[in-house]
Amino acid sequence: MPKEFSRTRRVSELIQRELADLIRENIRTSGLITVSSVKISPDLQQATIYVTVLGGDKSEVDTVKHLQNQVGILRHGLSQRLNLRVTPRLHFLYDESLEYASKINTLLHQANLSSSDS
């Protein structure tokens, strides 16, 4: 079992690097899209790609929809770059962890300020 985990981790890291390049080279958007992480199923058939969007005039939801519409181009590009028997199906989701971390940081900062005023 540990060997499977190691392989899935290596494949997900490889997909993350290659998808970041493919998105930068092939997908035209007004903002900066970052592939923050990739979760791949143990059988390597499904990949969930978490992305963040910085700047741009489109909302995060619209950017994720745009990526999902371009999934054929991205999957084909992955199949050309990766040496896998089957290229996984890609599903894009917006990664909210940066926003969540920012909110927690703001709350901690506010709590620290209020405790130092006392």
C-alpha atoms as a PDB file:
ATOM      1  CA  MET A   1       0.000   0.000   0.000  1.00  0.00           C
ATOM      2  CA  PRO A   2       2.710   2.619   0.748  1.00  0.00           C
ATOM      3  CA  LYS A   3       4.059   2.137  -2.773  1.00  0.00           C
ATOM      4  CA  GLU A   4       0.671   3.122  -4.254  1.00  0.00           C
ATOM      5  CA  PHE A   5       0.588   6.268  -2.149  1.00  0.00           C
ATOM      6  CA  SER A   6       4.056   7.176  -3.297  1.00  0.00           C
ATOM      7  CA  ARG A   7       3.112   6.701  -6.949  1.00  0.00           C
ATOM      8  CA  THR A   8      -0.087   8.735  -6.653  1.00  0.00           C
ATOM      9  CA  ARG A   9       1.809  11.531  -4.923  1.00  0.00           C
ATOM     10  CA  ARG A  10       4.491  11.581  -7.627  1.00  0.00           C
ATOM     11  CA  VAL A  11       1.902  11.530 -10.422  1.00  0.00           C
ATOM     12  CA  SER A  12      -0.146  14.324  -8.821  1.00  0.00           C
ATOM     13  CA  GLU A  13       2.980  16.499  -8.445  1.00  0.00           C
ATOM     14  CA  LEU A  14       3.905  15.829 -12.071  1.00  0.00           C
ATOM     15  CA  ILE A  15       0.389  16.689 -13.246  1.00  0.00           C
ATOM     16  CA  GLN A  16       0.485  19.885 -11.173  1.00  0.00           C
ATOM     17  CA  ARG A  17       3.731  21.056 -12.821  1.00  0.00           C
ATOM     18  CA  GLU A  18       2.672  20.132 -16.342  1.00  0.00           C
ATOM     19  CA  LEU A  19      -0.827  21.623 -16.019  1.00  0.00           C
ATOM     20  CA  ALA A  20       0.621  24.896 -14.743  1.00  0.00           C
ATOM     21  CA  ASP A  21       2.745  25.087 -17.899  1.00  0.00           C
ATOM     22  CA  LEU A  22      -0.128  24.080 -20.171  1.00  0.00           C
ATOM     23  CA  ILE A  23      -2.477  26.663 -18.660  1.00  0.00           C
ATOM     24  CA  ARG A  24       0.148  29.377 -18.960  1.00  0.00           C
ATOM     25  CA  GLU A  25       0.884  28.450 -22.600  1.00  0.00           C
ATOM     26  CA  ASN A  26      -2.607  27.663 -23.934  1.00  0.00           C
ATOM     27  CA  ILE A  27      -5.329  29.320 -21.856  1.00  0.00           C
ATOM     28  CA  ARG A  28      -5.885  33.036 -22.314  1.00  0.00           C
ATOM     29  CA  THR A  29      -7.279  34.773 -19.249  1.00  0.00           C
ATOM     30  CA  SER A  30      -6.973  38.243 -17.827  1.00  0.00           C
ATOM     31  CA  GLY A  31      -5.812  36.992 -14.414  1.00  0.00           C
ATOM     32  CA  LEU A  32      -3.049  34.777 -13.123  1.00  0.00           C
ATOM     33  CA  ILE A  33      -4.123  31.158 -12.649  1.00  0.00           C
ATOM     34  CA  THR A  34      -2.124  29.064 -10.206  1.00  0.00           C
ATOM     35  CA  VAL A  35      -2.488  25.302  -9.813  1.00  0.00           C
ATOM     36  CA  SER A  36      -2.312  25.025  -6.032  1.00  0.00           C
ATOM     37  CA  SER A  37      -2.730  21.255  -5.715  1.00  0.00           C
ATOM     38  CA  VAL A  38      -3.835  18.101  -7.493  1.00  0.00           C
ATOM     39  CA  LYS A  39      -5.652  15.192  -5.876  1.00  0.00           C
ATOM     40  CA  ILE A  40      -5.622  12.014  -7.906  1.00  0.00           C
ATOM     41  CA  SER A  41      -7.622   8.854  -7.369  1.00  0.00           C
ATOM     42  CA  PRO A  42      -5.691   5.690  -6.414  1.00  0.00           C
ATOM     43  CA  ASP A  43      -6.413   4.157  -9.830  1.00  0.00           C
ATOM     44  CA  LEU A  44      -5.063   7.318 -11.572  1.00  0.00           C
ATOM     45  CA  GLN A  45      -8.318   7.710 -13.535  1.00  0.00           C
ATOM     46  CA  GLN A  46      -9.615  10.958 -11.967  1.00  0.00           C
ATOM     47  CA  ALA A  47      -7.745  14.130 -11.045  1.00  0.00           C
ATOM     48  CA  THR A  48      -9.197  17.054  -9.113  1.00  0.00           C
ATOM     49  CA  ILE A  49      -7.218  20.220  -9.772  1.00  0.00           C
ATOM     50  CA  TYR A  50      -7.438  23.066  -7.268  1.00  0.00           C
ATOM     51  CA  VAL A  51      -6.699  26.481  -8.747  1.00  0.00           C
ATOM     52  CA  THR A  52      -6.400  30.014  -7.416  1.00  0.00           C
ATOM     53  CA  VAL A  53      -6.981  33.148  -9.463  1.00  0.00           C
ATOM     54  CA  LEU A  54      -5.216  36.447  -8.872  1.00  0.00           C
ATOM     55  CA  GLY A  55      -6.376  39.612 -10.559  1.00  0.00           C
ATOM     56  CA  GLY A  56      -8.335  39.695 -13.756  1.00  0.00           C
ATOM     57  CA  ASP A  57     -11.817  40.861 -14.577  1.00  0.00           C
ATOM     58  CA  LYS A  58     -13.511  37.431 -14.397  1.00  0.00           C
ATOM     59  CA  SER A  59     -14.782  35.937 -11.179  1.00  0.00           C
ATOM     60  CA  GLU A  60     -13.250  32.761  -9.801  1.00  0.00           C
ATOM     61  CA  VAL A  61     -16.342  30.812 -10.793  1.00  0.00           C
ATOM     62  CA  ASP A  62     -16.115  32.047 -14.388  1.00  0.00           C
ATOM     63  CA  THR A  63     -12.419  31.203 -14.563  1.00  0.00           C
ATOM     64  CA  VAL A  64     -13.034  27.667 -13.289  1.00  0.00           C
ATOM     65  CA  LYS A  65     -15.866  27.267 -15.827  1.00  0.00           C
ATOM     66  CA  HIS A  66     -13.513  28.477 -18.567  1.00  0.00           C
ATOM     67  CA  LEU A  67     -10.883  25.930 -17.511  1.00  0.00           C
ATOM     68  CA  GLN A  68     -13.504  23.178 -17.408  1.00  0.00           C
ATOM     69  CA  ASN A  69     -14.569  24.138 -20.953  1.00  0.00           C
ATOM     70  CA  GLN A  70     -10.923  23.839 -22.083  1.00  0.00           C
ATOM     71  CA  VAL A  71     -10.405  20.475 -20.372  1.00  0.00           C
ATOM     72  CA  GLY A  72     -10.048  18.659 -23.716  1.00  0.00           C
ATOM     73  CA  ILE A  73      -7.087  20.807 -24.763  1.00  0.00           C
ATOM     74  CA  LEU A  74      -5.447  20.438 -21.352  1.00  0.00           C
ATOM     75  CA  ARG A  75      -5.998  16.682 -21.186  1.00  0.00           C
ATOM     76  CA  HIS A  76      -4.592  16.230 -24.682  1.00  0.00           C
ATOM     77  CA  GLY A  77      -1.557  18.317 -23.739  1.00  0.00           C
ATOM     78  CA  LEU A  78      -1.046  16.171 -20.644  1.00  0.00           C
ATOM     79  CA  SER A  79      -1.260  13.001 -22.699  1.00  0.00           C
ATOM     80  CA  GLN A  80       1.530  14.330 -24.938  1.00  0.00           C
ATOM     81  CA  ARG A  81       3.768  15.247 -21.981  1.00  0.00           C
ATOM     82  CA  LEU A  82       3.163  12.367 -19.573  1.00  0.00           C
ATOM     83  CA  ASN A  83       4.163   8.770 -19.984  1.00  0.00           C
ATOM     84  CA  LEU A  84       1.013   7.254 -18.480  1.00  0.00           C
ATOM     85  CA  ARG A  85      -1.119   4.446 -19.837  1.00  0.00           C
ATOM     86  CA  VAL A  86      -4.288   6.497 -19.292  1.00  0.00           C
ATOM     87  CA  THR A  87      -4.512  10.258 -18.944  1.00  0.00           C
ATOM     88  CA  PRO A  88      -6.779  11.034 -15.984  1.00  0.00           C
ATOM     89  CA  ARG A  89     -10.062  12.883 -16.383  1.00  0.00           C
ATOM     90  CA  LEU A  90      -9.664  16.419 -15.096  1.00  0.00           C
ATOM     91  CA  HIS A  91     -12.049  18.293 -12.849  1.00  0.00           C
ATOM     92  CA  PHE A  92     -11.254  21.868 -11.783  1.00  0.00           C
ATOM     93  CA  LEU A  93     -12.244  23.444  -8.461  1.00  0.00           C
ATOM     94  CA  TYR A  94     -11.500  26.838  -6.975  1.00  0.00           C
ATOM     95  CA  ASP A  95      -9.142  26.596  -3.991  1.00  0.00           C
ATOM     96  CA  GLU A  96     -10.572  28.722  -1.196  1.00  0.00           C
ATOM     97  CA  SER A  97      -7.747  28.011   1.263  1.00  0.00           C
ATOM     98  CA  LEU A  98      -5.970  31.335   0.601  1.00  0.00           C
ATOM     99  CA  GLU A  99      -9.105  33.336   1.338  1.00  0.00           C
ATOM    100  CA  TYR A 100      -9.758  31.238   4.442  1.00  0.00           C
ATOM    101  CA  ALA A 101      -6.190  31.737   5.678  1.00  0.00           C
ATOM    102  CA  SER A 102      -6.486  35.479   5.099  1.00  0.00           C
ATOM    103  CA  LYS A 103      -9.713  35.644   7.135  1.00  0.00           C
ATOM    104  CA  ILE A 104      -8.137  33.663   9.986  1.00  0.00           C
ATOM    105  CA  ASN A 105      -5.088  35.917   9.913  1.00  0.00           C
ATOM    106  CA  THR A 106      -7.289  39.022  10.071  1.00  0.00           C
ATOM    107  CA  LEU A 107      -9.271  37.611  13.011  1.00  0.00           C
ATOM    108  CA  LEU A 108      -6.082  36.691  14.866  1.00  0.00           C
ATOM    109  CA  HIS A 109      -4.666  40.161  14.234  1.00  0.00           C
ATOM    110  CA  GLN A 110      -7.871  41.774  15.524  1.00  0.00           C
ATOM    111  CA  ALA A 111      -7.880  39.539  18.602  1.00  0.00           C
ATOM    112  CA  ASN A 112      -4.241  40.391  19.266  1.00  0.00           C
ATOM    113  CA  LEU A 113      -4.966  44.119  18.980  1.00  0.00           C
ATOM    114  CA  SER A 114      -7.959  43.940  21.306  1.00  0.00           C
ATOM    115  CA  SER A 115      -6.020  41.947  23.917  1.00  0.00           C
ATOM    116  CA  SER A 116      -3.122  44.427  23.858  1.00  0.00           C
ATOM    117  CA  ASP A 117      -5.528  47.383  24.350  1.00  0.00           C
ATOM    118  CA  SER A 118      -6.818  45.876  27.607  1.00  0.00           C
END
